[in-house]
Amino acid sequence: MREIERVCISCYKTFNRNKLIKMKIVEGNLIINPSGYLVGRSYYLCYNVDCINKLKNSKKLEKTLKNKVKLSTDFWEVVQKEVSLYEQ
């Protein structure tokens, strides 16, 4: 059986879906959806810290999401926590 692959919205590299941070827009907020319990359109981000920082410091995320969402002030902190949990 072939593994499911997705593309990182920052570096555009293809990864196994389990090796990416899954994000979803819910009621105008971008949330991290690690368990995949929410269905529908999702966005994926790889665990590479340089990739995350590049996305954080550019307008690429807003362009990808087509300005449908405003990020909460602690969104990037949550992403960093997710990365640190993955590295352990």
Protein backbone atom coordinates (compact mmCIF):
# COMPACT_ATOMS: atom_id res chain seq x y z
CA MET A 1 0.00 0.00 0.00
CA ARG A 2 1.32 3.41 -0.94
CA GLU A 3 1.81 5.98 1.81
CA ILE A 4 -0.08 9.27 1.64
CA GLU A 5 2.14 12.25 0.85
CA ARG A 6 1.48 15.96 1.18
CA VAL A 7 3.38 19.14 0.28
CA CYS A 8 4.79 21.63 2.77
CA ILE A 9 3.33 25.10 2.15
CA SER A 10 6.70 26.73 2.84
CA CYS A 11 9.34 24.71 0.99
CA TYR A 12 7.01 22.80 -1.38
CA LYS A 13 8.79 19.51 -0.66
CA THR A 14 6.76 16.32 -0.51
CA PHE A 15 6.67 14.36 2.75
CA ASN A 16 4.76 11.48 4.27
CA ARG A 17 1.64 12.97 5.83
CA ASN A 18 2.72 11.75 9.28
CA LYS A 19 5.91 13.83 9.09
CA LEU A 20 4.11 17.16 8.69
CA ILE A 21 2.27 19.58 10.96
CA LYS A 22 -1.37 19.54 9.87
CA MET A 23 -3.23 22.85 10.09
CA LYS A 24 -6.86 23.66 9.41
CA ILE A 25 -9.05 26.76 9.33
CA VAL A 26 -11.91 26.52 11.83
CA GLU A 27 -14.26 29.47 12.26
CA GLY A 28 -11.69 31.91 10.90
CA ASN A 29 -8.82 30.63 13.06
CA LEU A 30 -5.88 28.57 11.89
CA ILE A 31 -5.42 25.67 14.29
CA ILE A 32 -3.02 22.77 14.51
CA ASN A 33 -4.78 19.47 13.93
CA PRO A 34 -2.28 16.78 14.99
CA SER A 35 -4.70 13.89 15.31
CA GLY A 36 -6.40 14.59 11.99
CA TYR A 37 -9.86 14.48 13.55
CA LEU A 38 -11.04 17.46 11.49
CA VAL A 39 -11.82 16.67 7.87
CA GLY A 40 -11.73 18.92 4.83
CA ARG A 41 -9.11 21.27 3.40
CA SER A 42 -5.88 21.15 5.39
CA TYR A 43 -2.50 22.83 5.10
CA TYR A 44 0.78 21.14 5.94
CA LEU A 45 4.09 22.43 7.28
CA CYS A 46 7.27 20.41 7.68
CA TYR A 47 9.14 20.21 10.99
CA ASN A 48 12.23 21.99 9.63
CA VAL A 49 12.88 25.02 11.88
CA ASP A 50 14.39 27.05 9.02
CA CYS A 51 11.32 26.36 6.92
CA ILE A 52 9.02 27.48 9.75
CA ASN A 53 11.03 30.66 10.35
CA LYS A 54 10.99 31.47 6.64
CA LEU A 55 7.21 31.11 6.60
CA LYS A 56 6.84 33.15 9.78
CA ASN A 57 8.89 36.05 8.43
CA SER A 58 7.22 36.23 5.03
CA LYS A 59 3.74 36.80 3.64
CA LYS A 60 3.67 33.30 2.13
CA LEU A 61 1.25 31.92 4.70
CA GLU A 62 -1.24 34.73 4.15
CA LYS A 63 -1.01 34.23 0.38
CA THR A 64 -1.50 30.48 0.70
CA LEU A 65 -4.52 30.95 2.92
CA LYS A 66 -5.77 33.78 0.67
CA ASN A 67 -6.19 36.03 3.72
CA LYS A 68 -9.07 33.89 4.99
CA VAL A 69 -7.70 33.84 8.51
CA LYS A 70 -5.95 35.91 11.13
CA LEU A 71 -3.29 34.17 13.16
CA SER A 72 -3.60 34.24 16.93
CA THR A 73 -0.73 35.86 18.80
CA ASP A 74 0.46 32.52 20.16
CA PHE A 75 0.15 30.54 16.92
CA TRP A 76 3.89 30.41 16.26
CA GLU A 77 4.56 29.40 19.87
CA VAL A 78 2.20 26.46 19.40
CA VAL A 79 4.05 25.52 16.20
CA GLN A 80 7.39 25.66 18.06
CA LYS A 81 5.97 23.38 20.80
CA GLU A 82 4.80 20.93 18.16
CA VAL A 83 8.30 20.90 16.64
CA SER A 84 9.95 20.33 20.03
CA LEU A 85 7.57 17.42 20.74
CA TYR A 86 8.39 15.91 17.36
CA GLU A 87 12.14 16.15 17.98
CA GLN A 88 11.94 14.26 21.27
